[in-house]
């Protein structure tokens, strides 16, 4: 059974940093995407990483967020720096091209 479990959300002031994690189980080879859903807005794609470590970012986070993976730990990370209130959202990880999502982790950035 495939499972994704996010962790690491929390509250931070603008300009601060947070790292969220996505632990994956039940699948061998996987590409992962991070999404986020701000309050009263639609879910949007944030970043993705392939099995081989290739990364892509949405323009809104490029240069501030870094996605990485530890295959031995079967975990994907999203390091978020220079956070702004516009980054406030529930952050989700998803195995690419599947309906396998984590439960989400809340990130709040105050001004």
PDB file of N, CA and C in Angstrom:
ATOM      1  N   UNK A   1       0.837  -1.193   0.000  1.00  0.00           N
ATOM      2  CA  UNK A   1       0.000   0.000   0.000  1.00  0.00           C
ATOM      3  C   UNK A   1       0.877   1.250   0.000  1.00  0.00           C
ATOM      4  N   UNK A   2       0.630   2.116  -0.961  1.00  0.00           N
ATOM      5  CA  UNK A   2       1.425   3.326  -1.083  1.00  0.00           C
ATOM      6  C   UNK A   2       0.953   4.347  -0.049  1.00  0.00           C
ATOM      7  N   UNK A   3       1.899   4.932   0.664  1.00  0.00           N
ATOM      8  CA  UNK A   3       1.572   5.974   1.634  1.00  0.00           C
ATOM      9  C   UNK A   3       2.567   7.114   1.535  1.00  0.00           C
ATOM     10  N   UNK A   4       2.059   8.321   1.699  1.00  0.00           N
ATOM     11  CA  UNK A   4       2.899   9.512   1.767  1.00  0.00           C
ATOM     12  C   UNK A   4       2.510  10.261   3.031  1.00  0.00           C
ATOM     13  N   UNK A   5       3.498  10.636   3.814  1.00  0.00           N
ATOM     14  CA  UNK A   5       3.243  11.332   5.072  1.00  0.00           C
ATOM     15  C   UNK A   5       4.099  12.584   5.125  1.00  0.00           C
ATOM     16  N   UNK A   6       3.434  13.734   5.119  1.00  0.00           N
ATOM     17  CA  UNK A   6       4.141  15.011   5.225  1.00  0.00           C
ATOM     18  C   UNK A   6       4.353  15.368   6.682  1.00  0.00           C
ATOM     19  N   UNK A   7       5.404  16.141   6.907  1.00  0.00           N
ATOM     20  CA  UNK A   7       5.673  16.665   8.241  1.00  0.00           C
ATOM     21  C   UNK A   7       6.520  17.920   8.107  1.00  0.00           C
ATOM     22  N   UNK A   8       6.642  18.645   9.212  1.00  0.00           N
ATOM     23  CA  UNK A   8       7.554  19.780   9.240  1.00  0.00           C
ATOM     24  C   UNK A   8       6.927  21.135   9.046  1.00  0.00           C
ATOM     25  N   UNK A   9       5.629  21.199   8.846  1.00  0.00           N
ATOM     26  CA  UNK A   9       4.993  22.498   8.730  1.00  0.00           C
ATOM     27  C   UNK A   9       5.019  23.241  10.052  1.00  0.00           C
ATOM     28  N   UNK A  10       4.547  24.466  10.006  1.00  0.00           N
ATOM     29  CA  UNK A  10       4.500  25.261  11.222  1.00  0.00           C
ATOM     30  C   UNK A  10       4.306  26.716  10.896  1.00  0.00           C
ATOM     31  N   UNK A  11       4.648  27.549  11.870  1.00  0.00           N
ATOM     32  CA  UNK A  11       4.468  28.996  11.728  1.00  0.00           C
ATOM     33  C   UNK A  11       5.818  29.681  11.765  1.00  0.00           C
ATOM     34  N   UNK A  12       5.966  30.692  10.922  1.00  0.00           N
ATOM     35  CA  UNK A  12       7.223  31.419  10.850  1.00  0.00           C
ATOM     36  C   UNK A  12       6.929  32.845  10.420  1.00  0.00           C
ATOM     37  N   UNK A  13       7.814  33.755  10.750  1.00  0.00           N
ATOM     38  CA  UNK A  13       7.655  35.134  10.308  1.00  0.00           C
ATOM     39  C   UNK A  13       8.213  35.304   8.897  1.00  0.00           C
ATOM     40  N   UNK A  14       7.727  36.315   8.235  1.00  0.00           N
ATOM     41  CA  UNK A  14       8.200  36.612   6.887  1.00  0.00           C
ATOM     42  C   UNK A  14       9.721  36.743   6.885  1.00  0.00           C
ATOM     43  N   UNK A  15      10.323  36.164   5.858  1.00  0.00           N
ATOM     44  CA  UNK A  15      11.773  36.155   5.773  1.00  0.00           C
ATOM     45  C   UNK A  15      12.415  34.915   6.362  1.00  0.00           C
ATOM     46  N   UNK A  16      11.619  34.143   7.075  1.00  0.00           N
ATOM     47  CA  UNK A  16      12.140  32.947   7.723  1.00  0.00           C
ATOM     48  C   UNK A  16      12.161  31.741   6.797  1.00  0.00           C
ATOM     49  N   UNK A  17      12.518  30.606   7.393  1.00  0.00           N
ATOM     50  CA  UNK A  17      12.671  29.361   6.631  1.00  0.00           C
ATOM     51  C   UNK A  17      11.955  28.225   7.334  1.00  0.00           C
ATOM     52  N   UNK A  18      11.516  27.258   6.540  1.00  0.00           N
ATOM     53  CA  UNK A  18      10.959  26.012   7.041  1.00  0.00           C
ATOM     54  C   UNK A  18      11.357  24.910   6.076  1.00  0.00           C
ATOM     55  N   UNK A  19      11.397  23.695   6.592  1.00  0.00           N
ATOM     56  CA  UNK A  19      11.594  22.536   5.731  1.00  0.00           C
ATOM     57  C   UNK A  19      10.465  21.549   5.993  1.00  0.00           C
ATOM     58  N   UNK A  20       9.786  21.178   4.940  1.00  0.00           N
ATOM     59  CA  UNK A  20       8.756  20.150   5.044  1.00  0.00           C
ATOM     60  C   UNK A  20       9.275  18.872   4.405  1.00  0.00           C
ATOM     61  N   UNK A  21       8.802  17.747   4.919  1.00  0.00           N
ATOM     62  CA  UNK A  21       9.261  16.434   4.470  1.00  0.00           C
ATOM     63  C   UNK A  21       8.090  15.590   4.002  1.00  0.00           C
ATOM     64  N   UNK A  22       8.402  14.661   3.123  1.00  0.00           N
ATOM     65  CA  UNK A  22       7.397  13.723   2.628  1.00  0.00           C
ATOM     66  C   UNK A  22       8.020  12.330   2.654  1.00  0.00           C
ATOM     67  N   UNK A  23       7.555  11.503   3.562  1.00  0.00           N
ATOM     68  CA  UNK A  23       8.047  10.133   3.676  1.00  0.00           C
ATOM     69  C   UNK A  23       7.173   9.215   2.842  1.00  0.00           C
ATOM     70  N   UNK A  24       7.825   8.419   1.997  1.00  0.00           N
ATOM     71  CA  UNK A  24       7.116   7.573   1.033  1.00  0.00           C
ATOM     72  C   UNK A  24       7.314   6.112   1.405  1.00  0.00           C
ATOM     73  N   UNK A  25       6.254   5.344   1.313  1.00  0.00           N
ATOM     74  CA  UNK A  25       6.370   3.903   1.535  1.00  0.00           C
ATOM     75  C   UNK A  25       5.465   3.169   0.565  1.00  0.00           C
ATOM     76  N   UNK A  26       5.808   1.909   0.327  1.00  0.00           N
ATOM     77  CA  UNK A  26       4.958   1.059  -0.494  1.00  0.00           C
ATOM     78  C   UNK A  26       5.180   1.161  -1.986  1.00  0.00           C
ATOM     79  N   UNK A  27       6.249   1.824  -2.401  1.00  0.00           N
ATOM     80  CA  UNK A  27       6.537   1.960  -3.826  1.00  0.00           C
ATOM     81  C   UNK A  27       8.038   2.067  -4.005  1.00  0.00           C
ATOM     82  N   UNK A  28       8.546   1.507  -5.112  1.00  0.00           N
ATOM     83  CA  UNK A  28      10.003   1.471  -5.278  1.00  0.00           C
ATOM     84  C   UNK A  28      10.549   2.699  -5.975  1.00  0.00           C
ATOM     85  N   UNK A  29      10.059   2.974  -7.175  1.00  0.00           N
ATOM     86  CA  UNK A  29      10.605   4.061  -7.988  1.00  0.00           C
ATOM     87  C   UNK A  29       9.525   5.121  -8.158  1.00  0.00           C
ATOM     88  N   UNK A  30       9.881   6.340  -7.855  1.00  0.00           N
ATOM     89  CA  UNK A  30       8.834   7.365  -7.859  1.00  0.00           C
ATOM     90  C   UNK A  30       9.417   8.753  -8.112  1.00  0.00           C
ATOM     91  N   UNK A  31       8.674   9.503  -8.905  1.00  0.00           N
ATOM     92  CA  UNK A  31       8.899  10.939  -9.020  1.00  0.00           C
ATOM     93  C   UNK A  31       7.879  11.606  -8.101  1.00  0.00           C
ATOM     94  N   UNK A  32       8.299  12.691  -7.468  1.00  0.00           N
ATOM     95  CA  UNK A  32       7.439  13.352  -6.484  1.00  0.00           C
ATOM     96  C   UNK A  32       7.245  14.811  -6.852  1.00  0.00           C
ATOM     97  N   UNK A  33       6.039  15.286  -6.639  1.00  0.00           N
ATOM     98  CA  UNK A  33       5.728  16.710  -6.771  1.00  0.00           C
ATOM     99  C   UNK A  33       5.198  17.247  -5.457  1.00  0.00           C
ATOM    100  N   UNK A  34       5.557  18.483  -5.182  1.00  0.00           N
ATOM    101  CA  UNK A  34       4.949  19.226  -4.069  1.00  0.00           C
ATOM    102  C   UNK A  34       3.916  20.187  -4.650  1.00  0.00           C
ATOM    103  N   UNK A  35       2.789  20.263  -3.960  1.00  0.00           N
ATOM    104  CA  UNK A  35       1.733  21.210  -4.285  1.00  0.00           C
ATOM    105  C   UNK A  35       1.407  21.999  -3.020  1.00  0.00           C
ATOM    106  N   UNK A  36       0.673  23.071  -3.205  1.00  0.00           N
ATOM    107  CA  UNK A  36       0.174  23.805  -2.050  1.00  0.00           C
ATOM    108  C   UNK A  36      -1.195  24.374  -2.356  1.00  0.00           C
ATOM    109  N   UNK A  37      -1.972  24.553  -1.295  1.00  0.00           N
ATOM    110  CA  UNK A  37      -3.300  25.145  -1.432  1.00  0.00           C
ATOM    111  C   UNK A  37      -3.438  26.273  -0.434  1.00  0.00           C
ATOM    112  N   UNK A  38      -3.325  27.516  -0.913  1.00  0.00           N
ATOM    113  CA  UNK A  38      -3.525  28.672  -0.020  1.00  0.00           C
ATOM    114  C   UNK A  38      -4.987  28.770   0.400  1.00  0.00           C
ATOM    115  N   UNK A  39      -5.264  29.504   1.465  1.00  0.00           N
ATOM    116  CA  UNK A  39      -6.642  29.662   1.926  1.00  0.00           C
ATOM    117  C   UNK A  39      -7.551  30.207   0.817  1.00  0.00           C
ATOM    118  N   UNK A  40      -8.677  29.560   0.593  1.00  0.00           N
ATOM    119  CA  UNK A  40      -9.692  29.992  -0.375  1.00  0.00           C
ATOM    120  C   UNK A  40      -9.171  30.044  -1.805  1.00  0.00           C
ATOM    121  N   UNK A  41      -8.124  29.287  -2.093  1.00  0.00           N
ATOM    122  CA  UNK A  41      -7.593  29.258  -3.456  1.00  0.00           C
ATOM    123  C   UNK A  41      -7.440  27.817  -3.909  1.00  0.00           C
ATOM    124  N   UNK A  42      -7.205  27.651  -5.209  1.00  0.00           N
ATOM    125  CA  UNK A  42      -7.024  26.317  -5.751  1.00  0.00           C
ATOM    126  C   UNK A  42      -5.625  25.787  -5.454  1.00  0.00           C
ATOM    127  N   UNK A  43      -5.521  24.471  -5.455  1.00  0.00           N
ATOM    128  CA  UNK A  43      -4.233  23.844  -5.261  1.00  0.00           C
ATOM    129  C   UNK A  43      -3.329  24.146  -6.457  1.00  0.00           C
ATOM    130  N   UNK A  44      -2.058  24.400  -6.190  1.00  0.00           N
ATOM    131  CA  UNK A  44      -1.122  24.729  -7.256  1.00  0.00           C
ATOM    132  C   UNK A  44       0.160  23.925  -7.104  1.00  0.00           C
ATOM    133  N   UNK A  45       0.757  23.622  -8.224  1.00  0.00           N
ATOM    134  CA  UNK A  45       2.022  22.892  -8.238  1.00  0.00           C
ATOM    135  C   UNK A  45       3.146  23.820  -7.803  1.00  0.00           C
ATOM    136  N   UNK A  46       4.083  23.278  -7.011  1.00  0.00           N
ATOM    137  CA  UNK A  46       5.180  24.071  -6.476  1.00  0.00           C
ATOM    138  C   UNK A  46       6.532  23.626  -7.031  1.00  0.00           C
ATOM    139  N   UNK A  47       6.788  22.307  -6.956  1.00  0.00           N
ATOM    140  CA  UNK A  47       8.103  21.808  -7.371  1.00  0.00           C
ATOM    141  C   UNK A  47       8.005  20.313  -7.592  1.00  0.00           C
ATOM    142  N   UNK A  48       8.971  19.782  -8.351  1.00  0.00           N
ATOM    143  CA  UNK A  48       9.005  18.352  -8.597  1.00  0.00           C
ATOM    144  C   UNK A  48      10.426  17.844  -8.687  1.00  0.00           C
ATOM    145  N   UNK A  49      10.596  16.566  -8.392  1.00  0.00           N
ATOM    146  CA  UNK A  49      11.911  15.939  -8.484  1.00  0.00           C
ATOM    147  C   UNK A  49      11.731  14.530  -9.022  1.00  0.00           C
ATOM    148  N   UNK A  50      12.631  14.162  -9.948  1.00  0.00           N
ATOM    149  CA  UNK A  50      12.546  12.841 -10.559  1.00  0.00           C
ATOM    150  C   UNK A  50      13.367  11.831  -9.754  1.00  0.00           C
ATOM    151  N   UNK A  51      13.245  10.570 -10.173  1.00  0.00           N
ATOM    152  CA  UNK A  51      14.033   9.506  -9.553  1.00  0.00           C
ATOM    153  C   UNK A  51      15.510   9.843  -9.615  1.00  0.00           C
ATOM    154  N   UNK A  52      15.933  10.414 -10.723  1.00  0.00           N
ATOM    155  CA  UNK A  52      17.339  10.726 -10.927  1.00  0.00           C
ATOM    156  C   UNK A  52      17.791  12.046 -10.328  1.00  0.00           C
ATOM    157  N   UNK A  53      16.866  12.773  -9.732  1.00  0.00           N
ATOM    158  CA  UNK A  53      17.241  14.005  -9.056  1.00  0.00           C
ATOM    159  C   UNK A  53      17.058  15.278  -9.872  1.00  0.00           C
ATOM    160  N   UNK A  54      16.444  15.180 -11.050  1.00  0.00           N
ATOM    161  CA  UNK A  54      16.159  16.392 -11.808  1.00  0.00           C
ATOM    162  C   UNK A  54      15.034  17.159 -11.127  1.00  0.00           C
ATOM    163  N   UNK A  55      15.164  18.470 -11.074  1.00  0.00           N
ATOM    164  CA  UNK A  55      14.195  19.289 -10.345  1.00  0.00           C
ATOM    165  C   UNK A  55      13.580  20.356 -11.245  1.00  0.00           C
ATOM    166  N   UNK A  56      12.376  20.751 -10.875  1.00  0.00           N
ATOM    167  CA  UNK A  56      11.673  21.860 -11.537  1.00  0.00           C
ATOM    168  C   UNK A  56      10.912  22.624 -10.466  1.00  0.00           C
ATOM    169  N   UNK A  57      10.719  23.929 -10.735  1.00  0.00           N
ATOM    170  CA  UNK A  57      10.064  24.787  -9.774  1.00  0.00           C
ATOM    171  C   UNK A  57       9.060  25.705 -10.457  1.00  0.00           C
ATOM    172  N   UNK A  58       8.015  26.037  -9.736  1.00  0.00           N
ATOM    173  CA  UNK A  58       7.124  27.087 -10.179  1.00  0.00           C
ATOM    174  C   UNK A  58       7.861  28.420 -10.097  1.00  0.00           C
ATOM    175  N   UNK A  59       7.507  29.331 -10.986  1.00  0.00           N
ATOM    176  CA  UNK A  59       8.186  30.632 -11.007  1.00  0.00           C
ATOM    177  C   UNK A  59       8.061  31.357  -9.667  1.00  0.00           C
ATOM    178  N   UNK A  60       6.963  31.148  -8.974  1.00  0.00           N
ATOM    179  CA  UNK A  60       6.710  31.869  -7.736  1.00  0.00           C
ATOM    180  C   UNK A  60       7.661  31.469  -6.609  1.00  0.00           C
ATOM    181  N   UNK A  61       8.302  30.315  -6.724  1.00  0.00           N
ATOM    182  CA  UNK A  61       9.180  29.848  -5.648  1.00  0.00           C
ATOM    183  C   UNK A  61      10.622  29.676  -6.108  1.00  0.00           C
ATOM    184  N   UNK A  62      10.873  29.828  -7.394  1.00  0.00           N
ATOM    185  CA  UNK A  62      12.206  29.618  -7.934  1.00  0.00           C
ATOM    186  C   UNK A  62      13.201  30.543  -7.248  1.00  0.00           C
ATOM    187  N   UNK A  63      14.335  29.964  -6.821  1.00  0.00           N
ATOM    188  CA  UNK A  63      15.345  30.746  -6.136  1.00  0.00           C
ATOM    189  C   UNK A  63      15.150  30.831  -4.630  1.00  0.00           C
ATOM    190  N   UNK A  64      13.967  30.435  -4.149  1.00  0.00           N
ATOM    191  CA  UNK A  64      13.701  30.474  -2.702  1.00  0.00           C
ATOM    192  C   UNK A  64      13.506  29.078  -2.126  1.00  0.00           C
ATOM    193  N   UNK A  65      12.911  28.194  -2.902  1.00  0.00           N
ATOM    194  CA  UNK A  65      12.620  26.833  -2.454  1.00  0.00           C
ATOM    195  C   UNK A  65      13.578  25.859  -3.125  1.00  0.00           C
ATOM    196  N   UNK A  66      13.924  24.802  -2.389  1.00  0.00           N
ATOM    197  CA  UNK A  66      14.774  23.746  -2.931  1.00  0.00           C
ATOM    198  C   UNK A  66      14.156  22.396  -2.609  1.00  0.00           C
ATOM    199  N   UNK A  67      13.940  21.596  -3.643  1.00  0.00           N
ATOM    200  CA  UNK A  67      13.425  20.248  -3.453  1.00  0.00           C
ATOM    201  C   UNK A  67      14.598  19.272  -3.543  1.00  0.00           C
ATOM    202  N   UNK A  68      14.587  18.283  -2.668  1.00  0.00           N
ATOM    203  CA  UNK A  68      15.660  17.288  -2.668  1.00  0.00           C
ATOM    204  C   UNK A  68      15.083  15.953  -2.195  1.00  0.00           C
ATOM    205  N   UNK A  69      15.873  14.901  -2.364  1.00  0.00           N
ATOM    206  CA  UNK A  69      15.388  13.597  -1.944  1.00  0.00           C
ATOM    207  C   UNK A  69      16.523  12.785  -1.358  1.00  0.00           C
ATOM    208  N   UNK A  70      16.158  11.957  -0.409  1.00  0.00           N
ATOM    209  CA  UNK A  70      17.070  10.995   0.191  1.00  0.00           C
ATOM    210  C   UNK A  70      16.476   9.621  -0.099  1.00  0.00           C
ATOM    211  N   UNK A  71      17.009   8.960  -1.117  1.00  0.00           N
ATOM    212  CA  UNK A  71      16.414   7.685  -1.538  1.00  0.00           C
ATOM    213  C   UNK A  71      16.563   6.606  -0.471  1.00  0.00           C
ATOM    214  N   UNK A  72      17.638   6.657   0.291  1.00  0.00           N
ATOM    215  CA  UNK A  72      17.821   5.651   1.345  1.00  0.00           C
ATOM    216  C   UNK A  72      16.736   5.785   2.413  1.00  0.00           C
ATOM    217  N   UNK A  73      16.362   7.014   2.709  1.00  0.00           N
ATOM    218  CA  UNK A  73      15.311   7.250   3.699  1.00  0.00           C
ATOM    219  C   UNK A  73      13.929   7.301   3.075  1.00  0.00           C
ATOM    220  N   UNK A  74      13.871   7.235   1.724  1.00  0.00           N
ATOM    221  CA  UNK A  74      12.601   7.323   0.997  1.00  0.00           C
ATOM    222  C   UNK A  74      11.824   8.574   1.425  1.00  0.00           C
ATOM    223  N   UNK A  75      12.546   9.658   1.427  1.00  0.00           N
ATOM    224  CA  UNK A  75      11.965  10.931   1.871  1.00  0.00           C
ATOM    225  C   UNK A  75      12.337  12.031   0.888  1.00  0.00           C
ATOM    226  N   UNK A  76      11.390  12.901   0.633  1.00  0.00           N
ATOM    227  CA  UNK A  76      11.607  14.084  -0.191  1.00  0.00           C
ATOM    228  C   UNK A  76      11.424  15.303   0.697  1.00  0.00           C
ATOM    229  N   UNK A  77      12.267  16.294   0.490  1.00  0.00           N
ATOM    230  CA  UNK A  77      12.250  17.499   1.302  1.00  0.00           C
ATOM    231  C   UNK A  77      11.938  18.714   0.429  1.00  0.00           C
ATOM    232  N   UNK A  78      11.335  19.699   1.059  1.00  0.00           N
ATOM    233  CA  UNK A  78      11.146  20.998   0.419  1.00  0.00           C
ATOM    234  C   UNK A  78      11.653  22.044   1.395  1.00  0.00           C
ATOM    235  N   UNK A  79      12.831  22.567   1.096  1.00  0.00           N
ATOM    236  CA  UNK A  79      13.420  23.635   1.905  1.00  0.00           C
ATOM    237  C   UNK A  79      12.876  24.959   1.397  1.00  0.00           C
ATOM    238  N   UNK A  80      12.266  25.713   2.297  1.00  0.00           N
ATOM    239  CA  UNK A  80      11.631  26.970   1.909  1.00  0.00           C
ATOM    240  C   UNK A  80      12.303  28.122   2.635  1.00  0.00           C
ATOM    241  N   UNK A  81      12.907  29.012   1.868  1.00  0.00           N
ATOM    242  CA  UNK A  81      13.597  30.170   2.430  1.00  0.00           C
ATOM    243  C   UNK A  81      12.916  31.459   1.983  1.00  0.00           C
ATOM    244  N   UNK A  82      13.244  32.529   2.645  1.00  0.00           N
ATOM    245  CA  UNK A  82      12.701  33.855   2.312  1.00  0.00           C
ATOM    246  C   UNK A  82      11.181  33.791   2.178  1.00  0.00           C
ATOM    247  N   UNK A  83      10.556  33.171   3.146  1.00  0.00           N
ATOM    248  CA  UNK A  83       9.107  32.976   3.085  1.00  0.00           C
ATOM    249  C   UNK A  83       8.366  34.305   3.205  1.00  0.00           C
ATOM    250  N   UNK A  84       7.249  34.372   2.516  1.00  0.00           N
ATOM    251  CA  UNK A  84       6.363  35.535   2.567  1.00  0.00           C
ATOM    252  C   UNK A  84       4.966  35.067   2.962  1.00  0.00           C
ATOM    253  N   UNK A  85       4.098  35.983   3.378  1.00  0.00           N
ATOM    254  CA  UNK A  85       2.727  35.577   3.720  1.00  0.00           C
ATOM    255  C   UNK A  85       2.016  34.878   2.558  1.00  0.00           C
ATOM    256  N   UNK A  86       2.416  35.171   1.341  1.00  0.00           N
ATOM    257  CA  UNK A  86       1.802  34.521   0.175  1.00  0.00           C
ATOM    258  C   UNK A  86       2.152  33.039   0.081  1.00  0.00           C
ATOM    259  N   UNK A  87       3.109  32.589   0.860  1.00  0.00           N
ATOM    260  CA  UNK A  87       3.464  31.164   0.896  1.00  0.00           C
ATOM    261  C   UNK A  87       2.606  30.384   1.891  1.00  0.00           C
ATOM    262  N   UNK A  88       1.771  31.077   2.636  1.00  0.00           N
ATOM    263  CA  UNK A  88       0.878  30.407   3.573  1.00  0.00           C
ATOM    264  C   UNK A  88      -0.059  29.467   2.814  1.00  0.00           C
ATOM    265  N   UNK A  89      -0.055  28.206   3.216  1.00  0.00           N
ATOM    266  CA  UNK A  89      -0.845  27.204   2.499  1.00  0.00           C
ATOM    267  C   UNK A  89      -0.715  25.862   3.208  1.00  0.00           C
ATOM    268  N   UNK A  90      -1.556  24.925   2.792  1.00  0.00           N
ATOM    269  CA  UNK A  90      -1.335  23.526   3.145  1.00  0.00           C
ATOM    270  C   UNK A  90      -0.480  22.931   2.026  1.00  0.00           C
ATOM    271  N   UNK A  91       0.611  22.322   2.416  1.00  0.00           N
ATOM    272  CA  UNK A  91       1.551  21.756   1.456  1.00  0.00           C
ATOM    273  C   UNK A  91       1.344  20.239   1.372  1.00  0.00           C
ATOM    274  N   UNK A  92       1.241  19.748   0.146  1.00  0.00           N
ATOM    275  CA  UNK A  92       0.989  18.336  -0.118  1.00  0.00           C
ATOM    276  C   UNK A  92       2.082  17.765  -1.016  1.00  0.00           C
ATOM    277  N   UNK A  93       2.414  16.518  -0.803  1.00  0.00           N
ATOM    278  CA  UNK A  93       3.252  15.811  -1.762  1.00  0.00           C
ATOM    279  C   UNK A  93       2.392  14.774  -2.490  1.00  0.00           C
ATOM    280  N   UNK A  94       2.827  14.482  -3.689  1.00  0.00           N
ATOM    281  CA  UNK A  94       2.061  13.565  -4.539  1.00  0.00           C
ATOM    282  C   UNK A  94       3.033  12.784  -5.402  1.00  0.00           C
ATOM    283  N   UNK A  95       2.795  11.498  -5.550  1.00  0.00           N
ATOM    284  CA  UNK A  95       3.579  10.721  -6.501  1.00  0.00           C
ATOM    285  C   UNK A  95       3.110  11.103  -7.893  1.00  0.00           C
ATOM    286  N   UNK A  96       4.042  11.476  -8.738  1.00  0.00           N
ATOM    287  CA  UNK A  96       3.717  12.018 -10.053  1.00  0.00           C
ATOM    288  C   UNK A  96       2.826  11.064 -10.842  1.00  0.00           C
ATOM    289  N   UNK A  97       1.840  11.653 -11.496  1.00  0.00           N
ATOM    290  CA  UNK A  97       0.944  10.926 -12.404  1.00  0.00           C
ATOM    291  C   UNK A  97       0.136   9.838 -11.696  1.00  0.00           C
ATOM    292  N   UNK A  98      -0.128  10.030 -10.432  1.00  0.00           N
ATOM    293  CA  UNK A  98      -0.981   9.104  -9.687  1.00  0.00           C
ATOM    294  C   UNK A  98      -1.953   9.918  -8.836  1.00  0.00           C
ATOM    295  N   UNK A  99      -2.860   9.190  -8.192  1.00  0.00           N
ATOM    296  CA  UNK A  99      -3.767   9.848  -7.248  1.00  0.00           C
ATOM    297  C   UNK A  99      -3.313   9.643  -5.817  1.00  0.00           C
ATOM    298  N   UNK A 100      -2.025   9.391  -5.654  1.00  0.00           N
ATOM    299  CA  UNK A 100      -1.467   9.162  -4.321  1.00  0.00           C
ATOM    300  C   UNK A 100      -0.957  10.480  -3.753  1.00  0.00           C
ATOM    301  N   UNK A 101      -1.674  10.960  -2.747  1.00  0.00           N
ATOM    302  CA  UNK A 101      -1.357  12.219  -2.083  1.00  0.00           C
ATOM    303  C   UNK A 101      -1.109  11.969  -0.605  1.00  0.00           C
ATOM    304  N   UNK A 102      -0.322  12.854  -0.014  1.00  0.00           N
ATOM    305  CA  UNK A 102      -0.232  12.870   1.425  1.00  0.00           C
ATOM    306  C   UNK A 102      -1.394  13.638   2.021  1.00  0.00           C
ATOM    307  N   UNK A 103      -1.410  13.706   3.349  1.00  0.00           N
ATOM    308  CA  UNK A 103      -2.521  14.359   4.030  1.00  0.00           C
ATOM    309  C   UNK A 103      -2.342  15.866   4.134  1.00  0.00           C
ATOM    310  N   UNK A 104      -1.140  16.350   3.865  1.00  0.00           N
ATOM    311  CA  UNK A 104      -0.871  17.778   3.902  1.00  0.00           C
ATOM    312  C   UNK A 104      -0.283  18.232   5.219  1.00  0.00           C
ATOM    313  N   UNK A 105       0.472  19.321   5.146  1.00  0.00           N
ATOM    314  CA  UNK A 105       1.035  19.943   6.339  1.00  0.00           C
ATOM    315  C   UNK A 105       0.896  21.452   6.196  1.00  0.00           C
ATOM    316  N   UNK A 106       0.451  22.099   7.273  1.00  0.00           N
ATOM    317  CA  UNK A 106       0.140  23.521   7.230  1.00  0.00           C
ATOM    318  C   UNK A 106       1.393  24.358   7.432  1.00  0.00           C
ATOM    319  N   UNK A 107       1.543  25.357   6.579  1.00  0.00           N
ATOM    320  CA  UNK A 107       2.610  26.347   6.709  1.00  0.00           C
ATOM    321  C   UNK A 107       1.964  27.722   6.819  1.00  0.00           C
ATOM    322  N   UNK A 108       2.275  28.431   7.884  1.00  0.00           N
ATOM    323  CA  UNK A 108       1.757  29.777   8.100  1.00  0.00           C
ATOM    324  C   UNK A 108       2.918  30.757   8.176  1.00  0.00           C
ATOM    325  N   UNK A 109       2.840  31.800   7.363  1.00  0.00           N
ATOM    326  CA  UNK A 109       3.876  32.830   7.362  1.00  0.00           C
ATOM    327  C   UNK A 109       3.218  34.153   7.728  1.00  0.00           C
ATOM    328  N   UNK A 110       3.668  34.748   8.803  1.00  0.00           N
ATOM    329  CA  UNK A 110       3.093  36.006   9.269  1.00  0.00           C
ATOM    330  C   UNK A 110       3.985  37.182   8.865  1.00  0.00           C
ATOM    331  N   UNK A 111       3.337  38.309   8.683  1.00  0.00           N
ATOM    332  CA  UNK A 111       4.087  39.502   8.253  1.00  0.00           C
ATOM    333  C   UNK A 111       4.628  40.253   9.446  1.00  0.00           C
TER     334      UNK A 111
END
